[in-house]
């Protein structure tokens, strides 16, 4: 059996115009369908859009420079050979790390709050008398003990209690988190929702100055 190798040959075999074949090939993914003893490269379903490549913001690059400078000060004898600091703010873990380290580098105190709890893994693999291996037990989570709705980051900046909630993309506050925000602000603390590192740095410098000092 022969395989159609050109758009025109495929069009003649299936009674389709070359333009139609070209249009289908441009907009959908390729698969093969067997008809009348020949194969034709046709498309089935739309192509899945690719996630845009992460472009590191200038604020993140500057954070890396700050971290390298601080590391060189602490370990001058190894500064030449130390690996360069690497950060990114396109996911929750990365953004949280950026914020915590930035506050510390600016002279404040910051720590990540464990709001997910502690994993209890009782799973184990067993082999039965027939030689088959299977997993028994389960993975459960023990509450962390933190206040319901707690923010992801707890910090002290210029004697101010600051709570920072990290929200990436379409993630939004839960009712418990909104109530926690109300309690913090009512007590005189500061609550901030961080969606990316660049806007966080703007907010930080507007409220605390570039060196962590007051305005």
C-alpha atoms as a PDB file:
ATOM      1  CA  UNK A   1       0.000   0.000   0.000  1.00  0.00           C
ATOM      2  CA  UNK A   2       1.213   3.542  -0.868  1.00  0.00           C
ATOM      3  CA  UNK A   3       1.013   6.577   1.351  1.00  0.00           C
ATOM      4  CA  UNK A   4      -0.155   9.981   0.048  1.00  0.00           C
ATOM      5  CA  UNK A   5       2.790  12.310   0.386  1.00  0.00           C
ATOM      6  CA  UNK A   6       1.503  15.595  -1.019  1.00  0.00           C
ATOM      7  CA  UNK A   7      -1.484  17.838  -0.402  1.00  0.00           C
ATOM      8  CA  UNK A   8      -2.610  17.587  -4.025  1.00  0.00           C
ATOM      9  CA  UNK A   9      -2.453  13.768  -4.054  1.00  0.00           C
ATOM     10  CA  UNK A  10      -4.459  13.598  -0.852  1.00  0.00           C
ATOM     11  CA  UNK A  11      -7.034  16.017  -2.232  1.00  0.00           C
ATOM     12  CA  UNK A  12      -7.508  13.965  -5.393  1.00  0.00           C
ATOM     13  CA  UNK A  13      -7.956  10.716  -3.469  1.00  0.00           C
ATOM     14  CA  UNK A  14     -10.596  12.035  -1.077  1.00  0.00           C
ATOM     15  CA  UNK A  15     -12.410  14.518  -3.317  1.00  0.00           C
ATOM     16  CA  UNK A  16     -11.233  17.477  -1.257  1.00  0.00           C
ATOM     17  CA  UNK A  17      -9.655  20.697  -2.471  1.00  0.00           C
ATOM     18  CA  UNK A  18      -5.990  21.337  -1.828  1.00  0.00           C
ATOM     19  CA  UNK A  19      -6.958  24.515   0.022  1.00  0.00           C
ATOM     20  CA  UNK A  20      -9.193  22.493   2.351  1.00  0.00           C
ATOM     21  CA  UNK A  21      -6.408  20.038   3.138  1.00  0.00           C
ATOM     22  CA  UNK A  22      -4.016  22.948   3.766  1.00  0.00           C
ATOM     23  CA  UNK A  23      -6.505  24.640   6.117  1.00  0.00           C
ATOM     24  CA  UNK A  24      -7.079  21.497   8.148  1.00  0.00           C
ATOM     25  CA  UNK A  25      -3.344  20.822   8.405  1.00  0.00           C
ATOM     26  CA  UNK A  26      -2.662  24.326   9.705  1.00  0.00           C
ATOM     27  CA  UNK A  27      -5.261  24.350  12.469  1.00  0.00           C
ATOM     28  CA  UNK A  28      -5.307  20.861  13.930  1.00  0.00           C
ATOM     29  CA  UNK A  29      -2.993  18.114  15.077  1.00  0.00           C
ATOM     30  CA  UNK A  30      -1.966  15.367  12.676  1.00  0.00           C
ATOM     31  CA  UNK A  31      -3.106  11.729  12.763  1.00  0.00           C
ATOM     32  CA  UNK A  32      -3.525   9.017  10.192  1.00  0.00           C
ATOM     33  CA  UNK A  33      -6.785   7.577   8.930  1.00  0.00           C
ATOM     34  CA  UNK A  34      -6.955   4.481   6.741  1.00  0.00           C
ATOM     35  CA  UNK A  35      -9.482   4.677   3.875  1.00  0.00           C
ATOM     36  CA  UNK A  36      -9.615   2.788   0.546  1.00  0.00           C
ATOM     37  CA  UNK A  37      -6.245   1.145   1.067  1.00  0.00           C
ATOM     38  CA  UNK A  38      -4.368   4.458   1.511  1.00  0.00           C
ATOM     39  CA  UNK A  39      -3.325   6.622   4.451  1.00  0.00           C
ATOM     40  CA  UNK A  40      -4.002  10.350   4.659  1.00  0.00           C
ATOM     41  CA  UNK A  41      -2.525  12.728   7.232  1.00  0.00           C
ATOM     42  CA  UNK A  42      -5.656  14.330   8.666  1.00  0.00           C
ATOM     43  CA  UNK A  43      -6.257  16.319  11.799  1.00  0.00           C
ATOM     44  CA  UNK A  44      -8.300  15.373  14.832  1.00  0.00           C
ATOM     45  CA  UNK A  45      -8.934  18.010  17.499  1.00  0.00           C
ATOM     46  CA  UNK A  46      -7.420  21.389  18.059  1.00  0.00           C
ATOM     47  CA  UNK A  47      -3.782  21.757  18.974  1.00  0.00           C
ATOM     48  CA  UNK A  48      -3.240  22.434  22.690  1.00  0.00           C
ATOM     49  CA  UNK A  49      -1.857  25.956  23.202  1.00  0.00           C
ATOM     50  CA  UNK A  50       1.659  26.050  24.617  1.00  0.00           C
ATOM     51  CA  UNK A  51       2.312  27.862  27.880  1.00  0.00           C
ATOM     52  CA  UNK A  52       4.284  31.072  27.277  1.00  0.00           C
ATOM     53  CA  UNK A  53       7.934  30.831  28.253  1.00  0.00           C
ATOM     54  CA  UNK A  54       8.693  32.474  31.596  1.00  0.00           C
ATOM     55  CA  UNK A  55      10.385  35.839  31.238  1.00  0.00           C
ATOM     56  CA  UNK A  56      12.191  36.809  34.442  1.00  0.00           C
ATOM     57  CA  UNK A  57      11.125  40.323  35.553  1.00  0.00           C
ATOM     58  CA  UNK A  58      13.739  42.984  36.325  1.00  0.00           C
ATOM     59  CA  UNK A  59      12.672  42.967  39.989  1.00  0.00           C
ATOM     60  CA  UNK A  60      13.546  39.268  40.272  1.00  0.00           C
ATOM     61  CA  UNK A  61      16.918  39.836  38.589  1.00  0.00           C
ATOM     62  CA  UNK A  62      17.679  42.601  41.081  1.00  0.00           C
ATOM     63  CA  UNK A  63      16.737  40.288  43.942  1.00  0.00           C
ATOM     64  CA  UNK A  64      19.264  37.759  42.645  1.00  0.00           C
ATOM     65  CA  UNK A  65      21.938  40.469  42.622  1.00  0.00           C
ATOM     66  CA  UNK A  66      21.069  41.474  46.201  1.00  0.00           C
ATOM     67  CA  UNK A  67      21.255  37.862  47.344  1.00  0.00           C
ATOM     68  CA  UNK A  68      24.650  37.378  45.666  1.00  0.00           C
ATOM     69  CA  UNK A  69      26.027  40.536  47.312  1.00  0.00           C
ATOM     70  CA  UNK A  70      24.785  39.477  50.745  1.00  0.00           C
ATOM     71  CA  UNK A  71      26.214  35.981  50.299  1.00  0.00           C
ATOM     72  CA  UNK A  72      29.588  37.459  49.311  1.00  0.00           C
ATOM     73  CA  UNK A  73      29.603  39.562  52.487  1.00  0.00           C
ATOM     74  CA  UNK A  74      28.876  36.572  54.685  1.00  0.00           C
ATOM     75  CA  UNK A  75      31.362  34.238  52.985  1.00  0.00           C
ATOM     76  CA  UNK A  76      34.039  36.399  51.335  1.00  0.00           C
ATOM     77  CA  UNK A  77      36.492  33.513  51.064  1.00  0.00           C
ATOM     78  CA  UNK A  78      34.038  31.511  48.923  1.00  0.00           C
ATOM     79  CA  UNK A  79      32.294  34.347  47.072  1.00  0.00           C
ATOM     80  CA  UNK A  80      34.178  33.709  43.853  1.00  0.00           C
ATOM     81  CA  UNK A  81      33.058  30.094  43.663  1.00  0.00           C
ATOM     82  CA  UNK A  82      29.571  30.296  45.185  1.00  0.00           C
ATOM     83  CA  UNK A  83      26.648  29.433  42.867  1.00  0.00           C
ATOM     84  CA  UNK A  84      24.539  32.384  41.769  1.00  0.00           C
ATOM     85  CA  UNK A  85      21.151  32.917  43.430  1.00  0.00           C
ATOM     86  CA  UNK A  86      18.195  31.824  41.306  1.00  0.00           C
ATOM     87  CA  UNK A  87      14.618  33.022  41.778  1.00  0.00           C
ATOM     88  CA  UNK A  88      11.346  33.035  39.827  1.00  0.00           C
ATOM     89  CA  UNK A  89       7.876  34.363  40.631  1.00  0.00           C
ATOM     90  CA  UNK A  90       5.572  32.457  38.267  1.00  0.00           C
ATOM     91  CA  UNK A  91       4.334  29.957  40.868  1.00  0.00           C
ATOM     92  CA  UNK A  92       3.239  30.180  44.498  1.00  0.00           C
ATOM     93  CA  UNK A  93       6.345  28.560  45.994  1.00  0.00           C
ATOM     94  CA  UNK A  94       8.703  30.685  43.913  1.00  0.00           C
ATOM     95  CA  UNK A  95       6.898  33.945  44.680  1.00  0.00           C
ATOM     96  CA  UNK A  96       6.778  33.124  48.399  1.00  0.00           C
ATOM     97  CA  UNK A  97      10.528  32.511  48.443  1.00  0.00           C
ATOM     98  CA  UNK A  98      11.178  35.779  46.586  1.00  0.00           C
ATOM     99  CA  UNK A  99       9.148  37.775  49.112  1.00  0.00           C
ATOM    100  CA  UNK A 100      10.564  36.138  52.241  1.00  0.00           C
ATOM    101  CA  UNK A 101      14.173  36.573  51.099  1.00  0.00           C
ATOM    102  CA  UNK A 102      13.590  40.162  49.925  1.00  0.00           C
ATOM    103  CA  UNK A 103      12.176  41.215  53.307  1.00  0.00           C
ATOM    104  CA  UNK A 104      15.131  39.611  55.082  1.00  0.00           C
ATOM    105  CA  UNK A 105      17.629  41.288  52.745  1.00  0.00           C
ATOM    106  CA  UNK A 106      15.935  44.620  53.470  1.00  0.00           C
ATOM    107  CA  UNK A 107      16.503  44.146  57.194  1.00  0.00           C
ATOM    108  CA  UNK A 108      13.103  42.791  58.185  1.00  0.00           C
ATOM    109  CA  UNK A 109      12.007  39.469  59.618  1.00  0.00           C
ATOM    110  CA  UNK A 110       9.909  37.063  57.547  1.00  0.00           C
ATOM    111  CA  UNK A 111       8.915  33.439  57.599  1.00  0.00           C
ATOM    112  CA  UNK A 112       6.702  31.139  55.624  1.00  0.00           C
ATOM    113  CA  UNK A 113       3.616  29.857  57.449  1.00  0.00           C
ATOM    114  CA  UNK A 114       2.690  26.208  56.975  1.00  0.00           C
ATOM    115  CA  UNK A 115      -1.027  26.316  56.212  1.00  0.00           C
ATOM    116  CA  UNK A 116      -1.288  22.935  54.450  1.00  0.00           C
ATOM    117  CA  UNK A 117      -0.606  20.762  57.479  1.00  0.00           C
ATOM    118  CA  UNK A 118       1.741  17.829  58.006  1.00  0.00           C
ATOM    119  CA  UNK A 119       1.539  14.758  55.716  1.00  0.00           C
ATOM    120  CA  UNK A 120       1.061  11.393  57.440  1.00  0.00           C
ATOM    121  CA  UNK A 121       2.072   8.654  55.006  1.00  0.00           C
ATOM    122  CA  UNK A 122       1.024   5.165  56.102  1.00  0.00           C
ATOM    123  CA  UNK A 123       1.356   3.661  52.625  1.00  0.00           C
ATOM    124  CA  UNK A 124       3.491   0.591  52.071  1.00  0.00           C
ATOM    125  CA  UNK A 125       3.914  -2.045  49.421  1.00  0.00           C
ATOM    126  CA  UNK A 126       3.087  -5.682  50.072  1.00  0.00           C
ATOM    127  CA  UNK A 127       3.410  -8.823  47.974  1.00  0.00           C
ATOM    128  CA  UNK A 128       0.655 -11.439  48.129  1.00  0.00           C
ATOM    129  CA  UNK A 129       1.045 -15.201  47.766  1.00  0.00           C
ATOM    130  CA  UNK A 130       0.692 -14.976  43.982  1.00  0.00           C
ATOM    131  CA  UNK A 131       3.638 -12.623  43.719  1.00  0.00           C
ATOM    132  CA  UNK A 132       1.619  -9.525  42.899  1.00  0.00           C
ATOM    133  CA  UNK A 133       2.708  -6.260  44.525  1.00  0.00           C
ATOM    134  CA  UNK A 134       0.197  -3.689  45.682  1.00  0.00           C
ATOM    135  CA  UNK A 135       0.075  -0.605  47.885  1.00  0.00           C
ATOM    136  CA  UNK A 136      -1.940  -0.505  51.090  1.00  0.00           C
ATOM    137  CA  UNK A 137      -2.519   2.337  53.529  1.00  0.00           C
ATOM    138  CA  UNK A 138      -3.145   6.000  52.710  1.00  0.00           C
ATOM    139  CA  UNK A 139      -1.719   9.498  52.736  1.00  0.00           C
ATOM    140  CA  UNK A 140      -3.510  11.857  55.122  1.00  0.00           C
ATOM    141  CA  UNK A 141      -2.847  15.373  56.377  1.00  0.00           C
ATOM    142  CA  UNK A 142      -2.661  16.461  60.009  1.00  0.00           C
ATOM    143  CA  UNK A 143      -3.756  20.077  60.613  1.00  0.00           C
ATOM    144  CA  UNK A 144      -0.803  22.444  60.944  1.00  0.00           C
ATOM    145  CA  UNK A 145      -2.117  24.143  64.074  1.00  0.00           C
ATOM    146  CA  UNK A 146      -2.075  27.573  62.435  1.00  0.00           C
ATOM    147  CA  UNK A 147      -5.110  29.838  62.578  1.00  0.00           C
ATOM    148  CA  UNK A 148      -7.718  29.033  59.933  1.00  0.00           C
ATOM    149  CA  UNK A 149      -7.233  31.394  57.006  1.00  0.00           C
ATOM    150  CA  UNK A 150      -3.682  32.351  58.008  1.00  0.00           C
ATOM    151  CA  UNK A 151      -1.607  34.210  55.437  1.00  0.00           C
ATOM    152  CA  UNK A 152       1.276  32.463  53.663  1.00  0.00           C
ATOM    153  CA  UNK A 153       3.936  34.811  55.057  1.00  0.00           C
ATOM    154  CA  UNK A 154       4.273  36.400  58.473  1.00  0.00           C
ATOM    155  CA  UNK A 155       6.713  39.306  58.779  1.00  0.00           C
ATOM    156  CA  UNK A 156       7.832  42.209  60.950  1.00  0.00           C
ATOM    157  CA  UNK A 157       8.946  45.305  59.038  1.00  0.00           C
ATOM    158  CA  UNK A 158       9.866  48.496  60.885  1.00  0.00           C
ATOM    159  CA  UNK A 159       8.067  47.292  63.994  1.00  0.00           C
ATOM    160  CA  UNK A 160       4.912  46.598  61.976  1.00  0.00           C
ATOM    161  CA  UNK A 161       3.237  43.196  61.870  1.00  0.00           C
ATOM    162  CA  UNK A 162       2.748  42.310  58.197  1.00  0.00           C
ATOM    163  CA  UNK A 163       0.800  39.352  56.826  1.00  0.00           C
ATOM    164  CA  UNK A 164       1.180  38.479  53.145  1.00  0.00           C
ATOM    165  CA  UNK A 165      -1.118  36.167  51.203  1.00  0.00           C
ATOM    166  CA  UNK A 166       0.251  34.757  47.930  1.00  0.00           C
ATOM    167  CA  UNK A 167      -2.246  34.428  45.088  1.00  0.00           C
ATOM    168  CA  UNK A 168      -1.104  33.324  41.636  1.00  0.00           C
ATOM    169  CA  UNK A 169      -3.273  33.531  38.522  1.00  0.00           C
ATOM    170  CA  UNK A 170      -6.972  32.975  39.179  1.00  0.00           C
ATOM    171  CA  UNK A 171      -6.503  31.981  42.828  1.00  0.00           C
ATOM    172  CA  UNK A 172      -8.707  34.041  45.151  1.00  0.00           C
ATOM    173  CA  UNK A 173      -9.191  34.482  48.909  1.00  0.00           C
ATOM    174  CA  UNK A 174     -11.433  32.053  50.729  1.00  0.00           C
ATOM    175  CA  UNK A 175     -14.012  33.332  53.249  1.00  0.00           C
ATOM    176  CA  UNK A 176     -11.696  32.228  56.069  1.00  0.00           C
ATOM    177  CA  UNK A 177      -8.809  34.213  54.588  1.00  0.00           C
ATOM    178  CA  UNK A 178     -10.972  37.324  54.264  1.00  0.00           C
ATOM    179  CA  UNK A 179     -11.951  36.996  57.908  1.00  0.00           C
ATOM    180  CA  UNK A 180      -8.301  36.587  58.881  1.00  0.00           C
ATOM    181  CA  UNK A 181      -7.479  39.775  56.939  1.00  0.00           C
ATOM    182  CA  UNK A 182     -10.223  41.626  58.805  1.00  0.00           C
ATOM    183  CA  UNK A 183      -8.835  40.521  62.161  1.00  0.00           C
ATOM    184  CA  UNK A 184      -5.263  41.528  61.261  1.00  0.00           C
ATOM    185  CA  UNK A 185      -6.264  44.992  60.060  1.00  0.00           C
ATOM    186  CA  UNK A 186      -8.593  45.543  63.001  1.00  0.00           C
ATOM    187  CA  UNK A 187      -5.686  44.832  65.343  1.00  0.00           C
ATOM    188  CA  UNK A 188      -3.508  47.414  63.578  1.00  0.00           C
ATOM    189  CA  UNK A 189      -1.498  45.026  61.434  1.00  0.00           C
ATOM    190  CA  UNK A 190      -0.877  45.213  57.680  1.00  0.00           C
ATOM    191  CA  UNK A 191      -2.301  42.677  55.245  1.00  0.00           C
ATOM    192  CA  UNK A 192      -1.174  42.415  51.626  1.00  0.00           C
ATOM    193  CA  UNK A 193      -2.142  40.104  48.744  1.00  0.00           C
ATOM    194  CA  UNK A 194       0.885  39.387  46.516  1.00  0.00           C
ATOM    195  CA  UNK A 195       0.228  38.357  42.916  1.00  0.00           C
ATOM    196  CA  UNK A 196       3.706  38.890  41.479  1.00  0.00           C
ATOM    197  CA  UNK A 197       7.082  40.030  42.752  1.00  0.00           C
ATOM    198  CA  UNK A 198       7.299  43.287  40.792  1.00  0.00           C
ATOM    199  CA  UNK A 199       4.101  44.752  42.258  1.00  0.00           C
ATOM    200  CA  UNK A 200       5.121  43.526  45.712  1.00  0.00           C
ATOM    201  CA  UNK A 201       8.422  45.461  45.502  1.00  0.00           C
ATOM    202  CA  UNK A 202       6.553  48.601  44.452  1.00  0.00           C
ATOM    203  CA  UNK A 203       4.195  48.219  47.408  1.00  0.00           C
ATOM    204  CA  UNK A 204       7.056  47.512  49.816  1.00  0.00           C
ATOM    205  CA  UNK A 205       9.115  50.537  48.773  1.00  0.00           C
ATOM    206  CA  UNK A 206       6.061  52.803  48.828  1.00  0.00           C
ATOM    207  CA  UNK A 207       5.296  51.801  52.424  1.00  0.00           C
ATOM    208  CA  UNK A 208       8.714  51.078  53.934  1.00  0.00           C
ATOM    209  CA  UNK A 209      11.302  52.698  51.669  1.00  0.00           C
ATOM    210  CA  UNK A 210      14.070  51.020  49.675  1.00  0.00           C
ATOM    211  CA  UNK A 211      16.107  50.094  52.735  1.00  0.00           C
ATOM    212  CA  UNK A 212      13.222  49.033  54.926  1.00  0.00           C
ATOM    213  CA  UNK A 213      13.080  52.363  56.689  1.00  0.00           C
ATOM    214  CA  UNK A 214      10.025  54.584  57.077  1.00  0.00           C
ATOM    215  CA  UNK A 215       9.066  57.174  54.495  1.00  0.00           C
END
